[in-house]
Amino acid sequence: VVAALARQLANELLSAYPVPLAPSTPPNLARGAILYAAQCSGCHGTMGKGEGPLAANMTPKPVNFTDATRARERSIFGLYQVVTQGLDGTSMPSFATLPDADRWALAFTVGQFAFPNIQSDVGKSLWDSKPQFHEALPNLEALVLQRPAALAASSDEATASAVTAYLRRHPDAVLPTRTQSLQIVRTHLSETVAAYLQGNRELAGRFAVAAYLDGFEPLEPVLAIKAPDLMRTI
């Protein structure tokens, strides 16, 4: 009951005080591993078990990221918040001075420890063959907000763990292909025009925003490199 109330309060806070809920592009996980080794392993240990050389004299002890019971309740967004804000009453400092992309990379890196890489191949097969996971996790925002426990509620623990292990190592898998992205844009813009012609400006506005966020924004990083003038024009 307390957990449910806490999550409800968190959602209400996000509604009242909006913050970016996801990285704009998939994080650089190689960069995340480097940052973890340099900034985090001294306390949390090389394998994330909370047994780093600096942990002995800390009260409370650093978090053991391999604890599956606790990890299944943690979202990547929750980890990102702690990396950004630190944790009062503990030795966990804020890393707000790091670039936003680095903090997301760290969150994804520590979010992998409880879901071993050995599960990734099974997770990929499940992701490729089960459309329901694509419906549940259609974009980066959905992925970073997802708790493995919630995913398990619609499947089972082993399946949720495997899919989590795969997606936390391959977050780009949730992004649509370029062809799919452009089709999303065309569909939403058609809906925009239809709603506008019917006099429903509010609905037209929502469709137009969806055309950008769901269809065009995922293509921006590539387009910015290949055709920056075209991107600015669009």
C-alpha atoms as a PDB file:
ATOM      1  CA  VAL A   1       0.000   0.000   0.000  1.00  0.00           C
ATOM      2  CA  VAL A   2       2.808   2.379   0.908  1.00  0.00           C
ATOM      3  CA  ALA A   3       4.607   1.589  -2.358  1.00  0.00           C
ATOM      4  CA  ALA A   4       1.458   2.234  -4.390  1.00  0.00           C
ATOM      5  CA  LEU A   5       0.844   5.542  -2.615  1.00  0.00           C
ATOM      6  CA  ALA A   6       4.459   6.593  -3.103  1.00  0.00           C
ATOM      7  CA  ARG A   7       4.281   5.893  -6.844  1.00  0.00           C
ATOM      8  CA  GLN A   8       0.996   7.813  -7.069  1.00  0.00           C
ATOM      9  CA  LEU A   9       2.610  10.772  -5.281  1.00  0.00           C
ATOM     10  CA  ALA A  10       5.603  10.605  -7.627  1.00  0.00           C
ATOM     11  CA  ASN A  11       3.311  10.711 -10.673  1.00  0.00           C
ATOM     12  CA  GLU A  12       1.418  13.679  -9.246  1.00  0.00           C
ATOM     13  CA  LEU A  13       4.674  15.525  -8.566  1.00  0.00           C
ATOM     14  CA  LEU A  14       5.779  14.959 -12.149  1.00  0.00           C
ATOM     15  CA  SER A  15       2.461  16.370 -13.361  1.00  0.00           C
ATOM     16  CA  ALA A  16       2.807  19.435 -11.142  1.00  0.00           C
ATOM     17  CA  TYR A  17       6.514  20.015 -11.779  1.00  0.00           C
ATOM     18  CA  PRO A  18       7.358  18.544 -15.207  1.00  0.00           C
ATOM     19  CA  VAL A  19      10.933  17.440 -15.856  1.00  0.00           C
ATOM     20  CA  PRO A  20      12.464  15.654 -18.866  1.00  0.00           C
ATOM     21  CA  LEU A  21      11.399  12.044 -18.470  1.00  0.00           C
ATOM     22  CA  ALA A  22      13.800  10.465 -20.944  1.00  0.00           C
ATOM     23  CA  PRO A  23      17.003  11.115 -22.874  1.00  0.00           C
ATOM     24  CA  SER A  24      16.474  12.674 -26.291  1.00  0.00           C
ATOM     25  CA  THR A  25      18.625   9.945 -27.877  1.00  0.00           C
ATOM     26  CA  PRO A  26      19.743   6.463 -26.726  1.00  0.00           C
ATOM     27  CA  PRO A  27      22.525   6.807 -24.134  1.00  0.00           C
ATOM     28  CA  ASN A  28      26.158   6.008 -24.850  1.00  0.00           C
ATOM     29  CA  LEU A  29      26.541   2.879 -22.732  1.00  0.00           C
ATOM     30  CA  ALA A  30      30.281   2.605 -23.337  1.00  0.00           C
ATOM     31  CA  ARG A  31      30.581   6.082 -21.859  1.00  0.00           C
ATOM     32  CA  GLY A  32      28.379   4.967 -18.962  1.00  0.00           C
ATOM     33  CA  ALA A  33      30.708   2.064 -18.167  1.00  0.00           C
ATOM     34  CA  ILE A  34      33.726   4.387 -18.133  1.00  0.00           C
ATOM     35  CA  LEU A  35      31.949   6.863 -15.861  1.00  0.00           C
ATOM     36  CA  TYR A  36      30.817   4.084 -13.511  1.00  0.00           C
ATOM     37  CA  ALA A  37      34.365   2.758 -13.163  1.00  0.00           C
ATOM     38  CA  ALA A  38      35.702   6.248 -12.433  1.00  0.00           C
ATOM     39  CA  GLN A  39      32.903   7.727 -10.301  1.00  0.00           C
ATOM     40  CA  CYS A  40      30.918   4.869  -8.730  1.00  0.00           C
ATOM     41  CA  SER A  41      32.922   1.650  -8.373  1.00  0.00           C
ATOM     42  CA  GLY A  42      34.901   2.926  -5.383  1.00  0.00           C
ATOM     43  CA  CYS A  43      31.721   2.691  -3.286  1.00  0.00           C
ATOM     44  CA  HIS A  44      29.414   0.345  -5.202  1.00  0.00           C
ATOM     45  CA  GLY A  45      32.101  -2.064  -6.394  1.00  0.00           C
ATOM     46  CA  THR A  46      33.131  -3.178  -9.860  1.00  0.00           C
ATOM     47  CA  MET A  47      30.123  -5.483 -10.171  1.00  0.00           C
ATOM     48  CA  GLY A  48      27.666  -3.163  -8.403  1.00  0.00           C
ATOM     49  CA  LYS A  49      27.375  -5.239  -5.210  1.00  0.00           C
ATOM     50  CA  GLY A  50      28.020  -2.320  -2.841  1.00  0.00           C
ATOM     51  CA  GLU A  51      31.379  -3.725  -1.795  1.00  0.00           C
ATOM     52  CA  GLY A  52      33.792  -1.130  -3.165  1.00  0.00           C
ATOM     53  CA  PRO A  53      37.020  -0.279  -1.265  1.00  0.00           C
ATOM     54  CA  LEU A  54      35.428   2.902   0.156  1.00  0.00           C
ATOM     55  CA  ALA A  55      32.273   1.152   1.415  1.00  0.00           C
ATOM     56  CA  ALA A  56      33.637  -0.357   4.629  1.00  0.00           C
ATOM     57  CA  ASN A  57      33.214   2.762   6.777  1.00  0.00           C
ATOM     58  CA  MET A  58      29.929   3.965   5.281  1.00  0.00           C
ATOM     59  CA  THR A  59      26.624   3.959   7.139  1.00  0.00           C
ATOM     60  CA  PRO A  60      24.317   3.092   5.518  1.00  0.00           C
ATOM     61  CA  LYS A  61      26.205   0.879   3.106  1.00  0.00           C
ATOM     62  CA  PRO A  62      26.161   1.717  -0.625  1.00  0.00           C
ATOM     63  CA  VAL A  63      23.287   0.197  -2.570  1.00  0.00           C
ATOM     64  CA  ASN A  64      23.775  -3.318  -3.898  1.00  0.00           C
ATOM     65  CA  PHE A  65      22.544  -2.948  -7.479  1.00  0.00           C
ATOM     66  CA  THR A  66      22.493  -6.734  -7.948  1.00  0.00           C
ATOM     67  CA  ASP A  67      19.717  -7.184  -5.368  1.00  0.00           C
ATOM     68  CA  ALA A  68      16.970  -8.392  -7.710  1.00  0.00           C
ATOM     69  CA  THR A  69      14.151  -7.836  -5.188  1.00  0.00           C
ATOM     70  CA  ARG A  70      14.878  -4.115  -5.009  1.00  0.00           C
ATOM     71  CA  ALA A  71      15.986  -3.781  -8.626  1.00  0.00           C
ATOM     72  CA  ARG A  72      12.662  -5.057  -9.970  1.00  0.00           C
ATOM     73  CA  GLU A  73      10.985  -2.016  -8.381  1.00  0.00           C
ATOM     74  CA  ARG A  74      13.464   0.501  -9.805  1.00  0.00           C
ATOM     75  CA  SER A  75      13.005   2.294 -13.092  1.00  0.00           C
ATOM     76  CA  ILE A  76      15.854   3.842 -15.059  1.00  0.00           C
ATOM     77  CA  PHE A  77      14.212   7.208 -14.391  1.00  0.00           C
ATOM     78  CA  GLY A  78      14.414   6.556 -10.632  1.00  0.00           C
ATOM     79  CA  LEU A  79      18.117   5.763 -10.946  1.00  0.00           C
ATOM     80  CA  TYR A  80      18.646   8.895 -13.051  1.00  0.00           C
ATOM     81  CA  GLN A  81      16.990  10.999 -10.337  1.00  0.00           C
ATOM     82  CA  VAL A  82      19.318   9.630  -7.655  1.00  0.00           C
ATOM     83  CA  VAL A  83      22.370  10.171  -9.871  1.00  0.00           C
ATOM     84  CA  THR A  84      21.213  13.749 -10.451  1.00  0.00           C
ATOM     85  CA  GLN A  85      20.066  14.660  -6.930  1.00  0.00           C
ATOM     86  CA  GLY A  86      22.090  12.409  -4.645  1.00  0.00           C
ATOM     87  CA  LEU A  87      20.452  10.764  -1.636  1.00  0.00           C
ATOM     88  CA  ASP A  88      20.014  12.602   1.662  1.00  0.00           C
ATOM     89  CA  GLY A  89      21.202  10.760   4.751  1.00  0.00           C
ATOM     90  CA  THR A  90      23.712   8.673   2.804  1.00  0.00           C
ATOM     91  CA  SER A  91      27.138   9.121   1.240  1.00  0.00           C
ATOM     92  CA  MET A  92      25.581   9.239  -2.232  1.00  0.00           C
ATOM     93  CA  PRO A  93      26.447  12.657  -3.719  1.00  0.00           C
ATOM     94  CA  SER A  94      24.722  14.536  -6.511  1.00  0.00           C
ATOM     95  CA  PHE A  95      26.286  14.274  -9.965  1.00  0.00           C
ATOM     96  CA  ALA A  96      24.275  17.188 -11.323  1.00  0.00           C
ATOM     97  CA  THR A  97      27.468  18.736 -12.694  1.00  0.00           C
ATOM     98  CA  LEU A  98      27.750  15.910 -15.226  1.00  0.00           C
ATOM     99  CA  PRO A  99      26.106  16.510 -18.611  1.00  0.00           C
ATOM    100  CA  ASP A 100      22.573  15.182 -18.828  1.00  0.00           C
ATOM    101  CA  ALA A 101      23.579  12.528 -21.377  1.00  0.00           C
ATOM    102  CA  ASP A 102      26.240  11.202 -18.982  1.00  0.00           C
ATOM    103  CA  ARG A 103      23.733  10.908 -16.133  1.00  0.00           C
ATOM    104  CA  TRP A 104      21.356   8.909 -18.335  1.00  0.00           C
ATOM    105  CA  ALA A 105      24.273   6.693 -19.403  1.00  0.00           C
ATOM    106  CA  LEU A 106      25.136   6.053 -15.749  1.00  0.00           C
ATOM    107  CA  ALA A 107      21.516   5.246 -14.915  1.00  0.00           C
ATOM    108  CA  PHE A 108      21.341   2.647 -17.689  1.00  0.00           C
ATOM    109  CA  THR A 109      24.705   1.200 -16.632  1.00  0.00           C
ATOM    110  CA  VAL A 110      23.761   0.640 -12.982  1.00  0.00           C
ATOM    111  CA  GLY A 111      20.332  -0.563 -14.098  1.00  0.00           C
ATOM    112  CA  GLN A 112      21.962  -3.560 -15.800  1.00  0.00           C
ATOM    113  CA  PHE A 113      23.634  -5.175 -12.773  1.00  0.00           C
ATOM    114  CA  ALA A 114      20.594  -7.103 -11.514  1.00  0.00           C
ATOM    115  CA  PHE A 115      19.788  -8.334 -15.029  1.00  0.00           C
ATOM    116  CA  PRO A 116      22.839 -10.261 -16.290  1.00  0.00           C
ATOM    117  CA  ASN A 117      23.996 -10.057 -19.885  1.00  0.00           C
ATOM    118  CA  ILE A 118      23.514 -13.813 -20.170  1.00  0.00           C
ATOM    119  CA  GLN A 119      19.753 -13.133 -20.303  1.00  0.00           C
ATOM    120  CA  SER A 120      20.069 -10.702 -23.224  1.00  0.00           C
ATOM    121  CA  ASP A 121      19.882 -13.260 -26.056  1.00  0.00           C
ATOM    122  CA  VAL A 122      16.639 -14.684 -24.657  1.00  0.00           C
ATOM    123  CA  GLY A 123      15.400 -11.133 -24.128  1.00  0.00           C
ATOM    124  CA  LYS A 124      16.110 -10.213 -27.745  1.00  0.00           C
ATOM    125  CA  SER A 125      14.168 -13.237 -29.001  1.00  0.00           C
ATOM    126  CA  LEU A 126      11.232 -12.317 -26.789  1.00  0.00           C
ATOM    127  CA  TRP A 127      11.379  -8.677 -27.867  1.00  0.00           C
ATOM    128  CA  ASP A 128      11.463  -9.634 -31.548  1.00  0.00           C
ATOM    129  CA  SER A 129       8.643 -12.154 -31.289  1.00  0.00           C
ATOM    130  CA  LYS A 130       6.208 -10.637 -28.782  1.00  0.00           C
ATOM    131  CA  PRO A 131       4.311  -7.559 -30.091  1.00  0.00           C
ATOM    132  CA  GLN A 132       2.863  -6.857 -26.642  1.00  0.00           C
ATOM    133  CA  PHE A 133       6.264  -5.665 -25.442  1.00  0.00           C
ATOM    134  CA  HIS A 134       6.468  -3.154 -28.285  1.00  0.00           C
ATOM    135  CA  GLU A 135       3.042  -1.872 -27.315  1.00  0.00           C
ATOM    136  CA  ALA A 136       4.091  -1.537 -23.667  1.00  0.00           C
ATOM    137  CA  LEU A 137       7.457   0.062 -24.493  1.00  0.00           C
ATOM    138  CA  PRO A 138       6.997   2.124 -27.663  1.00  0.00           C
ATOM    139  CA  ASN A 139       9.695   4.739 -26.968  1.00  0.00           C
ATOM    140  CA  LEU A 140      12.533   5.770 -24.684  1.00  0.00           C
ATOM    141  CA  GLU A 141      10.221   7.501 -22.211  1.00  0.00           C
ATOM    142  CA  ALA A 142       8.197   4.336 -21.692  1.00  0.00           C
ATOM    143  CA  LEU A 143      11.401   2.318 -21.312  1.00  0.00           C
ATOM    144  CA  VAL A 144      12.982   4.558 -18.661  1.00  0.00           C
ATOM    145  CA  LEU A 145       9.739   4.772 -16.663  1.00  0.00           C
ATOM    146  CA  GLN A 146       9.083   1.009 -16.741  1.00  0.00           C
ATOM    147  CA  ARG A 147       9.654  -0.974 -13.540  1.00  0.00           C
ATOM    148  CA  PRO A 148      10.563  -4.620 -14.197  1.00  0.00           C
ATOM    149  CA  ALA A 149       7.928  -5.606 -11.623  1.00  0.00           C
ATOM    150  CA  ALA A 150       5.240  -3.934 -13.714  1.00  0.00           C
ATOM    151  CA  LEU A 151       6.489  -5.720 -16.821  1.00  0.00           C
ATOM    152  CA  ALA A 152       6.385  -9.017 -14.935  1.00  0.00           C
ATOM    153  CA  ALA A 153       2.756  -8.371 -13.994  1.00  0.00           C
ATOM    154  CA  SER A 154       1.803  -8.673 -17.665  1.00  0.00           C
ATOM    155  CA  SER A 155       4.081 -11.662 -18.370  1.00  0.00           C
ATOM    156  CA  ASP A 156       6.213 -13.475 -15.770  1.00  0.00           C
ATOM    157  CA  GLU A 157       9.404 -12.834 -13.801  1.00  0.00           C
ATOM    158  CA  ALA A 158      11.759 -14.752 -16.101  1.00  0.00           C
ATOM    159  CA  THR A 159      10.379 -13.100 -19.228  1.00  0.00           C
ATOM    160  CA  ALA A 160      10.421  -9.617 -17.699  1.00  0.00           C
ATOM    161  CA  SER A 161      14.010 -10.070 -16.486  1.00  0.00           C
ATOM    162  CA  ALA A 162      15.206 -11.247 -19.895  1.00  0.00           C
ATOM    163  CA  VAL A 163      13.504  -8.416 -21.783  1.00  0.00           C
ATOM    164  CA  THR A 164      14.816  -5.906 -19.227  1.00  0.00           C
ATOM    165  CA  ALA A 165      18.344  -7.294 -19.574  1.00  0.00           C
ATOM    166  CA  TYR A 166      18.168  -6.866 -23.349  1.00  0.00           C
ATOM    167  CA  LEU A 167      16.586  -3.404 -23.505  1.00  0.00           C
ATOM    168  CA  ARG A 168      18.807  -1.883 -20.835  1.00  0.00           C
ATOM    169  CA  ARG A 169      21.774  -2.869 -22.998  1.00  0.00           C
ATOM    170  CA  HIS A 170      20.076  -2.004 -26.297  1.00  0.00           C
ATOM    171  CA  PRO A 171      17.739   0.935 -25.589  1.00  0.00           C
ATOM    172  CA  ASP A 172      17.794   1.891 -29.270  1.00  0.00           C
ATOM    173  CA  ALA A 173      15.657  -1.242 -29.911  1.00  0.00           C
ATOM    174  CA  VAL A 174      12.530   0.644 -28.781  1.00  0.00           C
ATOM    175  CA  LEU A 175      12.981   3.322 -31.449  1.00  0.00           C
ATOM    176  CA  PRO A 176      11.077   2.956 -34.729  1.00  0.00           C
ATOM    177  CA  THR A 177      13.002   2.445 -37.953  1.00  0.00           C
ATOM    178  CA  ARG A 178      13.342   5.476 -40.208  1.00  0.00           C
ATOM    179  CA  THR A 179      10.609   4.205 -42.509  1.00  0.00           C
ATOM    180  CA  GLN A 180       8.305   3.612 -39.547  1.00  0.00           C
ATOM    181  CA  SER A 181       9.128   7.050 -38.135  1.00  0.00           C
ATOM    182  CA  LEU A 182       8.159   8.819 -41.355  1.00  0.00           C
ATOM    183  CA  GLN A 183       4.964   6.791 -41.577  1.00  0.00           C
ATOM    184  CA  ILE A 184       4.100   7.915 -38.034  1.00  0.00           C
ATOM    185  CA  VAL A 185       4.665  11.523 -39.106  1.00  0.00           C
ATOM    186  CA  ARG A 186       2.458  11.165 -42.187  1.00  0.00           C
ATOM    187  CA  THR A 187      -0.317   9.439 -40.234  1.00  0.00           C
ATOM    188  CA  HIS A 188      -0.412  12.029 -37.446  1.00  0.00           C
ATOM    189  CA  LEU A 189      -0.248  14.953 -39.885  1.00  0.00           C
ATOM    190  CA  SER A 190      -3.194  13.507 -41.795  1.00  0.00           C
ATOM    191  CA  GLU A 191      -5.060  13.257 -38.490  1.00  0.00           C
ATOM    192  CA  THR A 192      -4.029  16.846 -37.723  1.00  0.00           C
ATOM    193  CA  VAL A 193      -5.517  18.188 -40.960  1.00  0.00           C
ATOM    194  CA  ALA A 194      -8.713  16.160 -40.543  1.00  0.00           C
ATOM    195  CA  ALA A 195      -9.255  17.381 -36.973  1.00  0.00           C
ATOM    196  CA  TYR A 196      -8.547  20.991 -37.979  1.00  0.00           C
ATOM    197  CA  LEU A 197     -11.024  20.855 -40.864  1.00  0.00           C
ATOM    198  CA  GLN A 198     -13.622  19.569 -38.420  1.00  0.00           C
ATOM    199  CA  GLY A 199     -12.986  22.609 -36.223  1.00  0.00           C
ATOM    200  CA  ASN A 200     -11.286  20.678 -33.410  1.00  0.00           C
ATOM    201  CA  ARG A 201      -8.183  22.804 -32.933  1.00  0.00           C
ATOM    202  CA  GLU A 202      -7.216  21.193 -29.627  1.00  0.00           C
ATOM    203  CA  LEU A 203      -7.185  17.672 -31.078  1.00  0.00           C
ATOM    204  CA  ALA A 204      -5.364  18.930 -34.174  1.00  0.00           C
ATOM    205  CA  GLY A 205      -2.692  20.395 -31.920  1.00  0.00           C
ATOM    206  CA  ARG A 206      -2.232  17.121 -30.061  1.00  0.00           C
ATOM    207  CA  PHE A 207      -1.858  15.186 -33.326  1.00  0.00           C
ATOM    208  CA  ALA A 208       0.685  17.722 -34.611  1.00  0.00           C
ATOM    209  CA  VAL A 209       2.758  17.443 -31.437  1.00  0.00           C
ATOM    210  CA  ALA A 210       2.592  13.631 -31.661  1.00  0.00           C
ATOM    211  CA  ALA A 211       3.800  13.812 -35.268  1.00  0.00           C
ATOM    212  CA  TYR A 212       6.899  15.597 -34.056  1.00  0.00           C
ATOM    213  CA  LEU A 213       7.614  13.745 -30.801  1.00  0.00           C
ATOM    214  CA  ASP A 214       6.750  10.205 -31.941  1.00  0.00           C
ATOM    215  CA  GLY A 215       7.846  10.373 -35.563  1.00  0.00           C
ATOM    216  CA  PHE A 216      10.279  13.150 -36.348  1.00  0.00           C
ATOM    217  CA  GLU A 217      12.281  13.686 -33.163  1.00  0.00           C
ATOM    218  CA  PRO A 218      13.889  10.192 -33.253  1.00  0.00           C
ATOM    219  CA  LEU A 219      15.303  11.067 -36.699  1.00  0.00           C
ATOM    220  CA  GLU A 220      16.737  14.434 -35.688  1.00  0.00           C
ATOM    221  CA  PRO A 221      20.215  13.243 -34.535  1.00  0.00           C
ATOM    222  CA  VAL A 222      20.909  11.578 -37.903  1.00  0.00           C
ATOM    223  CA  LEU A 223      19.344  14.390 -39.922  1.00  0.00           C
ATOM    224  CA  ALA A 224      21.295  17.005 -37.949  1.00  0.00           C
ATOM    225  CA  ILE A 225      24.519  15.394 -39.146  1.00  0.00           C
ATOM    226  CA  LYS A 226      23.546  14.614 -42.729  1.00  0.00           C
ATOM    227  CA  ALA A 227      21.345  17.634 -43.549  1.00  0.00           C
ATOM    228  CA  PRO A 228      21.328  20.274 -40.781  1.00  0.00           C
ATOM    229  CA  ASP A 229      19.768  22.963 -43.002  1.00  0.00           C
ATOM    230  CA  LEU A 230      16.907  20.626 -43.923  1.00  0.00           C
ATOM    231  CA  MET A 231      16.329  19.749 -40.263  1.00  0.00           C
ATOM    232  CA  ARG A 232      16.081  23.423 -39.303  1.00  0.00           C
ATOM    233  CA  THR A 233      13.698  24.069 -42.197  1.00  0.00           C
ATOM    234  CA  ILE A 234      11.423  21.214 -41.163  1.00  0.00           C
END
